[in-house]
């Protein structure tokens, strides 16, 4: 039930953020409204990431994955009233992860969520993030039964190192929980840890 509520909340929040005219149309008519909306949500970062993930499965099997994702980051500071050097981002992150153990396979889908970034010194920032979304799991497991539709929810933290004004390297850790939100049985869930590194381009 908690997972379902989290997913529904994420969808509602995502809709309001991606389509802010739904919530502001009555109070911001005309050209001024269009300009103000464009300032509330601004695409400002594209990130490519990969790394290594691992987890334990029933029957003494280990889950091992090589993740790959592309993250589209949107600055929503103006929308939520965040001020100062910190930044709150809304992110959309399609992924295609290669499963290398206990057998070859793939995870594919996308996550939506939020990342809070704040500088700690010149050229270095720290971030925390949380996201969730649908995922296809191609392998059969004791925990989730036959491969198919699932959800991945995750949270993590990391560091971002600025190379130039518009390019940065990042490294971080994520804890993931994969389950089907109770839509089918079995649904024992699979937890895993992921280390990621990537490169970000600012806009």
N, C-alpha and C. Protein backbone atom coordinates (compact mmCIF):
# COMPACT_ATOMS: atom_id res chain seq x y z
N UNK A 1 0.83 -1.20 0.00
CA UNK A 1 0.00 0.00 0.00
C UNK A 1 0.87 1.26 0.00
N UNK A 2 1.95 1.25 0.80
CA UNK A 2 2.85 2.42 0.84
C UNK A 2 3.48 2.67 -0.52
N UNK A 3 3.91 1.58 -1.19
CA UNK A 3 4.52 1.72 -2.50
C UNK A 3 3.54 2.32 -3.50
N UNK A 4 2.26 1.85 -3.46
CA UNK A 4 1.26 2.37 -4.38
C UNK A 4 1.03 3.86 -4.14
N UNK A 5 0.93 4.27 -2.86
CA UNK A 5 0.72 5.69 -2.55
C UNK A 5 1.91 6.52 -3.02
N UNK A 6 3.13 5.99 -2.85
CA UNK A 6 4.32 6.71 -3.30
C UNK A 6 4.30 6.90 -4.81
N UNK A 7 3.93 5.86 -5.54
CA UNK A 7 3.90 5.93 -7.00
C UNK A 7 2.85 6.93 -7.47
N UNK A 8 1.65 6.88 -6.86
CA UNK A 8 0.58 7.80 -7.24
C UNK A 8 0.99 9.24 -6.95
N UNK A 9 1.60 9.46 -5.79
CA UNK A 9 2.05 10.81 -5.43
C UNK A 9 3.10 11.32 -6.41
N UNK A 10 4.03 10.44 -6.79
CA UNK A 10 5.07 10.84 -7.74
C UNK A 10 4.48 11.23 -9.09
N UNK A 11 3.45 10.48 -9.53
CA UNK A 11 2.81 10.79 -10.82
C UNK A 11 2.11 12.13 -10.76
N UNK A 12 1.38 12.39 -9.66
CA UNK A 12 0.66 13.66 -9.52
C UNK A 12 1.63 14.83 -9.48
N UNK A 13 2.68 14.71 -8.65
CA UNK A 13 3.66 15.79 -8.55
C UNK A 13 4.37 16.01 -9.87
N UNK A 14 4.71 14.91 -10.56
CA UNK A 14 5.39 15.03 -11.85
C UNK A 14 4.52 15.75 -12.86
N UNK A 15 3.22 15.44 -12.86
CA UNK A 15 2.31 16.09 -13.80
C UNK A 15 2.23 17.58 -13.54
N UNK A 16 2.15 17.97 -12.27
CA UNK A 16 2.06 19.40 -11.94
C UNK A 16 3.33 20.14 -12.32
N UNK A 17 4.48 19.44 -12.19
CA UNK A 17 5.75 20.09 -12.51
C UNK A 17 5.97 20.17 -14.01
N UNK A 18 5.70 19.08 -14.73
CA UNK A 18 5.93 19.08 -16.16
C UNK A 18 4.90 19.91 -16.92
N UNK A 19 3.70 20.05 -16.34
CA UNK A 19 2.65 20.82 -17.00
C UNK A 19 2.10 21.85 -16.04
N UNK A 20 2.91 22.85 -15.66
CA UNK A 20 2.50 23.81 -14.64
C UNK A 20 1.32 24.66 -15.06
N UNK A 21 1.01 24.75 -16.38
CA UNK A 21 -0.14 25.56 -16.78
C UNK A 21 -1.44 25.04 -16.20
N UNK A 22 -1.48 23.75 -15.83
CA UNK A 22 -2.69 23.19 -15.24
C UNK A 22 -3.01 23.87 -13.92
N UNK A 23 -1.97 24.17 -13.12
CA UNK A 23 -2.19 24.73 -11.80
C UNK A 23 -2.15 26.25 -11.77
N UNK A 24 -1.60 26.88 -12.82
CA UNK A 24 -1.44 28.33 -12.78
C UNK A 24 -2.27 29.06 -13.84
N UNK A 25 -3.01 28.36 -14.67
CA UNK A 25 -3.70 28.98 -15.79
C UNK A 25 -4.71 30.03 -15.36
N UNK A 26 -5.36 29.86 -14.21
CA UNK A 26 -6.40 30.78 -13.80
C UNK A 26 -5.86 32.11 -13.30
N UNK A 27 -4.62 32.12 -12.83
CA UNK A 27 -4.09 33.33 -12.20
C UNK A 27 -3.05 34.04 -13.05
N UNK A 28 -2.62 33.43 -14.20
CA UNK A 28 -1.57 34.02 -15.01
C UNK A 28 -1.98 34.03 -16.48
N UNK A 29 -2.87 34.93 -16.89
CA UNK A 29 -3.34 34.93 -18.27
C UNK A 29 -2.33 35.57 -19.21
N UNK A 30 -2.44 35.25 -20.53
CA UNK A 30 -1.72 35.96 -21.56
C UNK A 30 -0.25 35.65 -21.64
N UNK A 31 0.47 36.57 -22.33
CA UNK A 31 1.90 36.38 -22.58
C UNK A 31 2.70 36.37 -21.29
N UNK A 32 2.29 37.18 -20.30
CA UNK A 32 3.01 37.22 -19.02
C UNK A 32 3.00 35.87 -18.35
N UNK A 33 1.88 35.14 -18.46
CA UNK A 33 1.79 33.82 -17.85
C UNK A 33 2.77 32.86 -18.50
N UNK A 34 2.89 32.92 -19.83
CA UNK A 34 3.81 32.03 -20.54
C UNK A 34 5.25 32.28 -20.09
N UNK A 35 5.64 33.56 -19.97
CA UNK A 35 6.99 33.90 -19.54
C UNK A 35 7.25 33.44 -18.12
N UNK A 36 6.28 33.63 -17.23
CA UNK A 36 6.47 33.25 -15.83
C UNK A 36 6.57 31.74 -15.69
N UNK A 37 5.76 30.99 -16.45
CA UNK A 37 5.82 29.54 -16.37
C UNK A 37 7.16 29.02 -16.86
N UNK A 38 7.70 29.64 -17.91
CA UNK A 38 8.97 29.18 -18.45
C UNK A 38 10.09 29.37 -17.44
N UNK A 39 9.95 30.32 -16.53
CA UNK A 39 10.97 30.55 -15.52
C UNK A 39 10.81 29.61 -14.33
N UNK A 40 9.63 29.06 -14.12
CA UNK A 40 9.39 28.20 -12.97
C UNK A 40 10.07 26.84 -13.13
N UNK A 41 10.07 26.28 -14.34
CA UNK A 41 10.67 24.98 -14.60
C UNK A 41 11.61 25.13 -15.79
N UNK A 42 12.90 24.87 -15.57
CA UNK A 42 13.89 25.10 -16.62
C UNK A 42 14.81 23.90 -16.76
N UNK A 43 14.87 23.33 -17.97
CA UNK A 43 15.80 22.23 -18.24
C UNK A 43 17.22 22.77 -18.14
N UNK A 44 18.04 22.17 -17.27
CA UNK A 44 19.37 22.73 -17.08
C UNK A 44 20.49 21.71 -16.93
N UNK A 45 20.19 20.40 -17.03
CA UNK A 45 21.28 19.43 -16.87
C UNK A 45 20.97 18.12 -17.59
N UNK A 46 21.98 17.59 -18.26
CA UNK A 46 21.90 16.28 -18.90
C UNK A 46 23.06 15.45 -18.38
N UNK A 47 22.76 14.27 -17.81
CA UNK A 47 23.78 13.45 -17.17
C UNK A 47 23.77 12.03 -17.72
N UNK A 48 24.95 11.51 -18.03
CA UNK A 48 25.13 10.12 -18.44
C UNK A 48 25.88 9.40 -17.32
N UNK A 49 25.34 8.26 -16.86
CA UNK A 49 25.94 7.56 -15.72
C UNK A 49 26.03 6.06 -15.95
N UNK A 50 27.03 5.45 -15.34
CA UNK A 50 27.16 4.00 -15.32
C UNK A 50 27.91 3.61 -14.04
N UNK A 51 28.03 2.30 -13.80
CA UNK A 51 28.71 1.87 -12.58
C UNK A 51 28.54 0.38 -12.35
N UNK A 52 28.24 0.03 -11.11
CA UNK A 52 28.12 -1.38 -10.72
C UNK A 52 27.12 -1.50 -9.58
N UNK A 53 26.24 -2.51 -9.68
CA UNK A 53 25.26 -2.76 -8.64
C UNK A 53 25.24 -4.22 -8.22
N UNK A 54 24.87 -4.46 -6.95
CA UNK A 54 24.86 -5.83 -6.45
C UNK A 54 23.79 -5.99 -5.37
N UNK A 55 23.31 -7.22 -5.23
CA UNK A 55 22.32 -7.55 -4.20
C UNK A 55 22.27 -9.04 -4.00
N UNK A 56 21.59 -9.47 -2.93
CA UNK A 56 21.47 -10.89 -2.61
C UNK A 56 20.09 -11.40 -3.00
N UNK A 57 20.05 -12.57 -3.62
CA UNK A 57 18.81 -13.24 -3.99
C UNK A 57 18.67 -14.52 -3.17
N UNK A 58 17.45 -15.07 -3.13
CA UNK A 58 17.23 -16.34 -2.44
C UNK A 58 18.03 -17.44 -3.13
N UNK A 59 18.37 -18.46 -2.37
CA UNK A 59 19.11 -19.58 -2.94
C UNK A 59 20.58 -19.30 -3.11
N UNK A 60 21.12 -18.37 -2.31
CA UNK A 60 22.54 -18.04 -2.33
C UNK A 60 23.02 -17.47 -3.67
N UNK A 61 22.09 -16.95 -4.47
CA UNK A 61 22.47 -16.28 -5.72
C UNK A 61 22.72 -14.80 -5.45
N UNK A 62 23.60 -14.22 -6.24
CA UNK A 62 23.86 -12.79 -6.17
C UNK A 62 23.36 -12.11 -7.42
N UNK A 63 22.76 -10.94 -7.24
CA UNK A 63 22.37 -10.11 -8.36
C UNK A 63 23.50 -9.14 -8.65
N UNK A 64 23.95 -9.11 -9.90
CA UNK A 64 24.97 -8.16 -10.31
C UNK A 64 24.51 -7.45 -11.58
N UNK A 65 24.61 -6.12 -11.58
CA UNK A 65 24.17 -5.36 -12.74
C UNK A 65 25.21 -4.30 -13.12
N UNK A 66 25.20 -3.96 -14.41
CA UNK A 66 25.97 -2.83 -14.92
C UNK A 66 24.93 -1.79 -15.37
N UNK A 67 24.73 -0.74 -14.56
CA UNK A 67 23.69 0.23 -14.89
C UNK A 67 24.15 1.24 -15.94
N UNK A 68 23.18 1.72 -16.72
CA UNK A 68 23.42 2.85 -17.62
C UNK A 68 22.15 3.68 -17.66
N UNK A 69 22.30 4.99 -17.45
CA UNK A 69 21.13 5.86 -17.43
C UNK A 69 21.45 7.22 -18.04
N UNK A 70 20.41 7.88 -18.52
CA UNK A 70 20.49 9.26 -19.00
C UNK A 70 19.48 10.05 -18.19
N UNK A 71 19.96 11.07 -17.49
CA UNK A 71 19.10 11.84 -16.60
C UNK A 71 18.89 13.25 -17.14
N UNK A 72 17.62 13.65 -17.24
CA UNK A 72 17.24 14.99 -17.65
C UNK A 72 16.84 15.77 -16.40
N UNK A 73 17.62 16.79 -16.04
CA UNK A 73 17.37 17.55 -14.82
C UNK A 73 16.72 18.89 -15.11
N UNK A 74 15.72 19.24 -14.31
CA UNK A 74 14.97 20.48 -14.46
C UNK A 74 15.06 21.28 -13.16
N UNK A 75 15.57 22.50 -13.26
CA UNK A 75 15.66 23.40 -12.12
C UNK A 75 14.25 23.86 -11.75
N UNK A 76 13.81 23.57 -10.51
CA UNK A 76 12.47 23.97 -10.07
C UNK A 76 12.55 24.90 -8.85
N UNK A 77 13.67 25.57 -8.66
CA UNK A 77 13.82 26.49 -7.53
C UNK A 77 12.71 27.53 -7.50
N UNK A 78 12.45 28.18 -8.66
CA UNK A 78 11.45 29.23 -8.70
C UNK A 78 10.06 28.69 -8.42
N UNK A 79 9.82 27.46 -8.83
CA UNK A 79 8.50 26.86 -8.64
C UNK A 79 8.20 26.61 -7.18
N UNK A 80 9.20 26.16 -6.42
CA UNK A 80 8.98 25.79 -5.02
C UNK A 80 9.52 26.81 -4.03
N UNK A 81 10.15 27.88 -4.53
CA UNK A 81 10.61 28.94 -3.64
C UNK A 81 11.95 28.71 -2.99
N UNK A 82 12.80 27.86 -3.59
CA UNK A 82 14.14 27.65 -3.05
C UNK A 82 15.03 28.81 -3.48
N UNK A 83 15.78 29.39 -2.53
CA UNK A 83 16.64 30.52 -2.83
C UNK A 83 18.07 30.23 -2.35
N UNK A 84 19.01 31.02 -2.88
CA UNK A 84 20.40 30.84 -2.49
C UNK A 84 21.14 29.96 -3.47
N UNK A 85 22.33 29.48 -3.09
CA UNK A 85 23.17 28.70 -4.01
C UNK A 85 22.68 27.27 -4.22
N UNK A 86 21.82 26.75 -3.35
CA UNK A 86 21.33 25.38 -3.49
C UNK A 86 20.33 25.29 -4.64
N UNK A 87 20.12 24.07 -5.13
CA UNK A 87 19.21 23.86 -6.25
C UNK A 87 18.38 22.60 -6.03
N UNK A 88 17.08 22.70 -6.25
CA UNK A 88 16.20 21.54 -6.25
C UNK A 88 15.87 21.20 -7.69
N UNK A 89 16.17 19.96 -8.08
CA UNK A 89 15.91 19.51 -9.44
C UNK A 89 14.81 18.46 -9.46
N UNK A 90 13.98 18.54 -10.49
CA UNK A 90 13.10 17.44 -10.84
C UNK A 90 13.80 16.67 -11.96
N UNK A 91 13.87 15.34 -11.83
CA UNK A 91 14.61 14.55 -12.81
C UNK A 91 13.78 13.46 -13.45
N UNK A 92 14.03 13.24 -14.73
CA UNK A 92 13.47 12.11 -15.48
C UNK A 92 14.65 11.29 -15.97
N UNK A 93 14.68 10.01 -15.62
CA UNK A 93 15.89 9.20 -15.86
C UNK A 93 15.57 7.85 -16.50
N UNK A 94 15.58 7.78 -17.83
CA UNK A 94 15.47 6.47 -18.49
C UNK A 94 16.73 5.65 -18.22
N UNK A 95 16.56 4.33 -18.10
CA UNK A 95 17.73 3.48 -17.84
C UNK A 95 17.63 2.16 -18.59
N UNK A 96 18.78 1.60 -18.89
CA UNK A 96 18.89 0.26 -19.46
C UNK A 96 20.07 -0.40 -18.77
N UNK A 97 19.77 -1.30 -17.83
CA UNK A 97 20.81 -1.94 -17.01
C UNK A 97 21.05 -3.37 -17.49
N UNK A 98 22.30 -3.73 -17.62
CA UNK A 98 22.67 -5.09 -18.03
C UNK A 98 22.83 -5.97 -16.79
N UNK A 99 22.08 -7.06 -16.72
CA UNK A 99 22.21 -8.03 -15.63
C UNK A 99 23.26 -9.05 -16.03
N UNK A 100 24.27 -9.23 -15.19
CA UNK A 100 25.34 -10.20 -15.49
C UNK A 100 25.27 -11.42 -14.58
N UNK A 101 24.53 -11.37 -13.49
CA UNK A 101 24.36 -12.51 -12.58
C UNK A 101 23.04 -12.32 -11.83
N UNK A 102 22.34 -13.41 -11.53
CA UNK A 102 22.73 -14.82 -11.64
C UNK A 102 22.66 -15.38 -13.06
N UNK A 103 22.11 -14.62 -14.00
CA UNK A 103 22.12 -14.98 -15.41
C UNK A 103 22.06 -13.69 -16.21
N UNK A 104 22.29 -13.78 -17.50
CA UNK A 104 22.27 -12.58 -18.32
C UNK A 104 20.84 -12.10 -18.54
N UNK A 105 20.67 -10.79 -18.51
CA UNK A 105 19.35 -10.22 -18.70
C UNK A 105 19.42 -8.70 -18.70
N UNK A 106 18.25 -8.07 -18.60
CA UNK A 106 18.21 -6.61 -18.60
C UNK A 106 17.16 -6.10 -17.61
N UNK A 107 17.39 -4.89 -17.14
CA UNK A 107 16.38 -4.07 -16.47
C UNK A 107 16.21 -2.84 -17.35
N UNK A 108 14.96 -2.47 -17.63
CA UNK A 108 14.73 -1.29 -18.47
C UNK A 108 13.53 -0.53 -17.95
N UNK A 109 13.58 0.79 -18.00
CA UNK A 109 12.46 1.60 -17.54
C UNK A 109 12.88 3.04 -17.36
N UNK A 110 12.20 3.74 -16.48
CA UNK A 110 12.58 5.12 -16.17
C UNK A 110 12.11 5.47 -14.76
N UNK A 111 12.84 6.37 -14.14
CA UNK A 111 12.49 6.88 -12.81
C UNK A 111 12.22 8.37 -12.89
N UNK A 112 11.34 8.84 -12.03
CA UNK A 112 11.13 10.28 -11.87
C UNK A 112 11.32 10.60 -10.39
N UNK A 113 11.89 11.77 -10.11
CA UNK A 113 12.12 12.09 -8.71
C UNK A 113 12.79 13.44 -8.54
N UNK A 114 13.43 13.61 -7.39
CA UNK A 114 13.99 14.90 -7.03
C UNK A 114 15.43 14.75 -6.55
N UNK A 115 16.23 15.78 -6.85
CA UNK A 115 17.62 15.84 -6.39
C UNK A 115 17.87 17.22 -5.80
N UNK A 116 18.42 17.26 -4.60
CA UNK A 116 18.76 18.52 -3.95
C UNK A 116 20.28 18.66 -3.94
N UNK A 117 20.79 19.73 -4.55
CA UNK A 117 22.23 19.94 -4.71
C UNK A 117 22.62 21.21 -3.97
N UNK A 118 23.68 21.13 -3.19
CA UNK A 118 24.17 22.33 -2.50
C UNK A 118 25.69 22.34 -2.50
N UNK A 119 26.31 23.49 -2.75
CA UNK A 119 27.78 23.55 -2.78
C UNK A 119 28.37 23.40 -1.38
N UNK A 120 29.54 22.74 -1.31
CA UNK A 120 30.25 22.61 -0.04
C UNK A 120 31.57 23.36 -0.07
N UNK A 121 32.11 23.59 -1.27
CA UNK A 121 33.31 24.39 -1.45
C UNK A 121 33.37 24.78 -2.92
N UNK A 122 34.36 25.55 -3.32
CA UNK A 122 34.47 25.96 -4.71
C UNK A 122 34.59 24.76 -5.63
N UNK A 123 33.64 24.62 -6.56
CA UNK A 123 33.71 23.56 -7.54
C UNK A 123 33.23 22.21 -7.08
N UNK A 124 32.82 22.07 -5.81
CA UNK A 124 32.36 20.78 -5.29
C UNK A 124 31.00 20.95 -4.63
N UNK A 125 30.05 20.10 -5.02
CA UNK A 125 28.70 20.12 -4.44
C UNK A 125 28.33 18.74 -3.96
N UNK A 126 27.44 18.68 -2.99
CA UNK A 126 26.90 17.42 -2.50
C UNK A 126 25.42 17.37 -2.83
N UNK A 127 24.91 16.15 -3.11
CA UNK A 127 23.50 16.04 -3.44
C UNK A 127 22.87 14.81 -2.78
N UNK A 128 21.57 14.93 -2.55
CA UNK A 128 20.75 13.81 -2.11
C UNK A 128 19.60 13.67 -3.09
N UNK A 129 19.11 12.45 -3.28
CA UNK A 129 18.08 12.23 -4.29
C UNK A 129 17.15 11.09 -3.91
N UNK A 130 15.94 11.14 -4.48
CA UNK A 130 14.95 10.08 -4.31
C UNK A 130 14.12 10.00 -5.58
N UNK A 131 13.80 8.78 -6.02
CA UNK A 131 13.03 8.62 -7.26
C UNK A 131 12.36 7.26 -7.29
N UNK A 132 11.42 7.12 -8.23
CA UNK A 132 10.70 5.86 -8.39
C UNK A 132 10.14 5.80 -9.80
N UNK A 133 9.87 4.58 -10.28
CA UNK A 133 9.30 4.46 -11.61
C UNK A 133 9.16 3.02 -12.05
N UNK A 134 8.50 2.80 -13.19
CA UNK A 134 8.28 1.45 -13.71
C UNK A 134 9.54 0.84 -14.29
N UNK A 135 9.64 -0.48 -14.22
CA UNK A 135 10.81 -1.18 -14.74
C UNK A 135 10.42 -2.56 -15.25
N UNK A 136 11.08 -2.98 -16.31
CA UNK A 136 10.93 -4.34 -16.82
C UNK A 136 12.14 -5.16 -16.39
N UNK A 137 11.89 -6.30 -15.76
CA UNK A 137 12.94 -7.21 -15.33
C UNK A 137 12.85 -8.47 -16.19
N UNK A 138 13.93 -8.80 -16.90
CA UNK A 138 13.83 -9.89 -17.88
C UNK A 138 14.07 -11.27 -17.29
N UNK A 139 14.65 -11.38 -16.09
CA UNK A 139 14.98 -12.70 -15.54
C UNK A 139 13.94 -13.13 -14.51
N UNK A 140 13.85 -14.44 -14.32
CA UNK A 140 12.96 -15.01 -13.30
C UNK A 140 13.73 -15.07 -11.97
N UNK A 141 13.03 -14.76 -10.89
CA UNK A 141 13.65 -14.84 -9.56
C UNK A 141 12.66 -15.45 -8.57
N UNK A 142 13.19 -15.98 -7.48
CA UNK A 142 12.33 -16.50 -6.42
C UNK A 142 11.50 -15.38 -5.82
N UNK A 143 12.11 -14.21 -5.67
CA UNK A 143 11.44 -13.07 -5.03
C UNK A 143 10.26 -12.56 -5.85
N UNK A 144 10.45 -12.43 -7.17
CA UNK A 144 9.44 -11.78 -8.02
C UNK A 144 8.80 -12.72 -9.05
N UNK A 145 9.18 -13.99 -9.03
CA UNK A 145 8.58 -14.93 -9.96
C UNK A 145 9.08 -14.71 -11.38
N UNK A 146 8.18 -14.86 -12.35
CA UNK A 146 8.55 -14.68 -13.75
C UNK A 146 8.95 -13.24 -14.03
N UNK A 147 9.88 -13.08 -14.94
CA UNK A 147 10.28 -11.74 -15.34
C UNK A 147 9.11 -10.96 -15.89
N UNK A 148 9.15 -9.65 -15.74
CA UNK A 148 8.07 -8.81 -16.23
C UNK A 148 8.04 -7.46 -15.56
N UNK A 149 6.83 -6.91 -15.43
CA UNK A 149 6.63 -5.54 -14.95
C UNK A 149 6.89 -5.42 -13.45
N UNK A 150 7.68 -4.41 -13.09
CA UNK A 150 7.98 -4.12 -11.69
C UNK A 150 8.11 -2.60 -11.50
N UNK A 151 8.47 -2.20 -10.29
CA UNK A 151 8.82 -0.82 -10.00
C UNK A 151 10.17 -0.81 -9.31
N UNK A 152 10.94 0.25 -9.56
CA UNK A 152 12.19 0.47 -8.82
C UNK A 152 12.07 1.79 -8.07
N UNK A 153 12.23 1.75 -6.76
CA UNK A 153 12.29 2.95 -5.92
C UNK A 153 13.69 3.03 -5.34
N UNK A 154 14.25 4.24 -5.28
CA UNK A 154 15.63 4.36 -4.84
C UNK A 154 15.88 5.71 -4.20
N UNK A 155 16.91 5.73 -3.34
CA UNK A 155 17.38 6.99 -2.79
C UNK A 155 18.90 6.90 -2.67
N UNK A 156 19.55 8.06 -2.66
CA UNK A 156 21.00 8.02 -2.60
C UNK A 156 21.59 9.39 -2.37
N UNK A 157 22.91 9.46 -2.47
CA UNK A 157 23.65 10.70 -2.26
C UNK A 157 24.94 10.62 -3.05
N UNK A 158 25.55 11.80 -3.28
CA UNK A 158 26.78 11.80 -4.03
C UNK A 158 27.44 13.17 -4.06
N UNK A 159 28.53 13.25 -4.83
CA UNK A 159 29.29 14.47 -4.98
C UNK A 159 29.36 14.85 -6.45
N UNK A 160 29.40 16.15 -6.71
CA UNK A 160 29.56 16.66 -8.07
C UNK A 160 30.78 17.58 -8.11
N UNK A 161 31.65 17.33 -9.09
CA UNK A 161 32.91 18.07 -9.21
C UNK A 161 32.88 18.87 -10.51
N UNK A 162 32.90 20.17 -10.39
CA UNK A 162 32.82 21.04 -11.56
C UNK A 162 34.16 21.09 -12.29
N UNK A 163 34.14 20.75 -13.59
CA UNK A 163 35.34 20.82 -14.42
C UNK A 163 35.42 22.16 -15.14
N UNK A 164 34.31 22.56 -15.73
CA UNK A 164 34.17 23.87 -16.35
C UNK A 164 32.82 24.42 -15.93
N UNK A 165 32.47 25.57 -16.46
CA UNK A 165 31.19 26.17 -16.09
C UNK A 165 30.01 25.28 -16.45
N UNK A 166 30.13 24.49 -17.53
CA UNK A 166 29.01 23.69 -18.01
C UNK A 166 29.25 22.19 -18.00
N UNK A 167 30.35 21.73 -17.42
CA UNK A 167 30.66 20.30 -17.39
C UNK A 167 31.10 19.91 -15.98
N UNK A 168 30.57 18.79 -15.49
CA UNK A 168 30.92 18.32 -14.16
C UNK A 168 30.97 16.80 -14.13
N UNK A 169 31.80 16.27 -13.26
CA UNK A 169 31.82 14.83 -12.98
C UNK A 169 31.05 14.59 -11.69
N UNK A 170 30.39 13.44 -11.61
CA UNK A 170 29.67 13.11 -10.38
C UNK A 170 29.88 11.66 -10.01
N UNK A 171 29.78 11.38 -8.73
CA UNK A 171 29.91 10.02 -8.21
C UNK A 171 28.97 9.88 -7.02
N UNK A 172 28.31 8.71 -6.92
CA UNK A 172 27.37 8.57 -5.83
C UNK A 172 26.98 7.13 -5.55
N UNK A 173 26.15 6.99 -4.54
CA UNK A 173 25.63 5.69 -4.08
C UNK A 173 24.11 5.74 -4.08
N UNK A 174 23.48 4.62 -4.47
CA UNK A 174 22.03 4.50 -4.41
C UNK A 174 21.64 3.17 -3.75
N UNK A 175 20.60 3.23 -2.93
CA UNK A 175 19.96 2.02 -2.43
C UNK A 175 18.67 1.84 -3.23
N UNK A 176 18.47 0.64 -3.78
CA UNK A 176 17.30 0.38 -4.63
C UNK A 176 16.42 -0.71 -4.04
N UNK A 177 15.12 -0.55 -4.26
CA UNK A 177 14.16 -1.60 -3.92
C UNK A 177 13.31 -1.88 -5.15
N UNK A 178 13.35 -3.11 -5.62
CA UNK A 178 12.55 -3.54 -6.77
C UNK A 178 11.41 -4.41 -6.29
N UNK A 179 10.18 -4.09 -6.70
CA UNK A 179 9.02 -4.91 -6.40
C UNK A 179 7.93 -4.59 -7.41
N UNK A 180 6.83 -5.36 -7.37
CA UNK A 180 5.74 -5.09 -8.32
C UNK A 180 4.57 -4.38 -7.66
N UNK A 181 4.79 -3.83 -6.46
CA UNK A 181 3.77 -3.04 -5.74
C UNK A 181 2.52 -3.84 -5.42
N UNK A 182 2.65 -5.16 -5.34
CA UNK A 182 1.52 -5.99 -4.97
C UNK A 182 0.57 -6.31 -6.10
N UNK A 183 0.96 -6.03 -7.34
CA UNK A 183 0.08 -6.32 -8.47
C UNK A 183 0.04 -7.81 -8.81
N UNK A 184 1.04 -8.57 -8.38
CA UNK A 184 1.05 -10.01 -8.62
C UNK A 184 1.87 -10.68 -7.54
N UNK A 185 1.78 -12.01 -7.49
CA UNK A 185 2.54 -12.80 -6.51
C UNK A 185 3.51 -13.72 -7.25
N UNK A 186 4.68 -13.99 -6.67
CA UNK A 186 5.18 -13.46 -5.40
C UNK A 186 5.65 -12.01 -5.53
N UNK A 187 5.80 -11.36 -4.39
CA UNK A 187 6.30 -9.98 -4.38
C UNK A 187 7.13 -9.76 -3.11
N UNK A 188 8.25 -10.45 -3.04
CA UNK A 188 9.11 -10.36 -1.85
C UNK A 188 10.12 -9.23 -1.94
N UNK A 189 10.26 -8.65 -3.11
CA UNK A 189 11.16 -7.51 -3.27
C UNK A 189 12.62 -7.90 -3.36
N UNK A 190 13.38 -7.09 -4.08
CA UNK A 190 14.82 -7.29 -4.23
C UNK A 190 15.52 -5.97 -3.90
N UNK A 191 16.37 -6.00 -2.89
CA UNK A 191 17.15 -4.82 -2.52
C UNK A 191 18.54 -4.93 -3.12
N UNK A 192 19.08 -3.80 -3.51
CA UNK A 192 20.43 -3.80 -4.07
C UNK A 192 21.12 -2.47 -3.82
N UNK A 193 22.43 -2.48 -3.91
CA UNK A 193 23.27 -1.30 -3.75
C UNK A 193 23.91 -0.98 -5.08
N UNK A 194 24.02 0.31 -5.39
CA UNK A 194 24.59 0.72 -6.68
C UNK A 194 25.59 1.85 -6.47
N UNK A 195 26.76 1.71 -7.08
CA UNK A 195 27.74 2.79 -7.16
C UNK A 195 27.72 3.33 -8.58
N UNK A 196 27.64 4.66 -8.71
CA UNK A 196 27.52 5.29 -10.02
C UNK A 196 28.57 6.38 -10.19
N UNK A 197 29.00 6.57 -11.43
CA UNK A 197 29.83 7.70 -11.80
C UNK A 197 29.34 8.19 -13.14
N UNK A 198 29.45 9.50 -13.38
CA UNK A 198 28.94 10.01 -14.63
C UNK A 198 29.47 11.39 -14.96
N UNK A 199 28.99 11.91 -16.07
CA UNK A 199 29.36 13.23 -16.52
C UNK A 199 28.09 14.03 -16.79
N UNK A 200 28.08 15.28 -16.35
CA UNK A 200 26.90 16.15 -16.47
C UNK A 200 27.24 17.35 -17.33
N UNK A 201 26.26 17.73 -18.15
CA UNK A 201 26.39 18.91 -19.01
C UNK A 201 25.31 19.91 -18.59
N UNK A 202 25.72 21.11 -18.24
CA UNK A 202 24.78 22.13 -17.81
C UNK A 202 24.31 23.00 -18.95
N UNK A 203 23.08 23.54 -18.82
CA UNK A 203 22.47 24.38 -19.86
C UNK A 203 21.87 25.63 -19.23
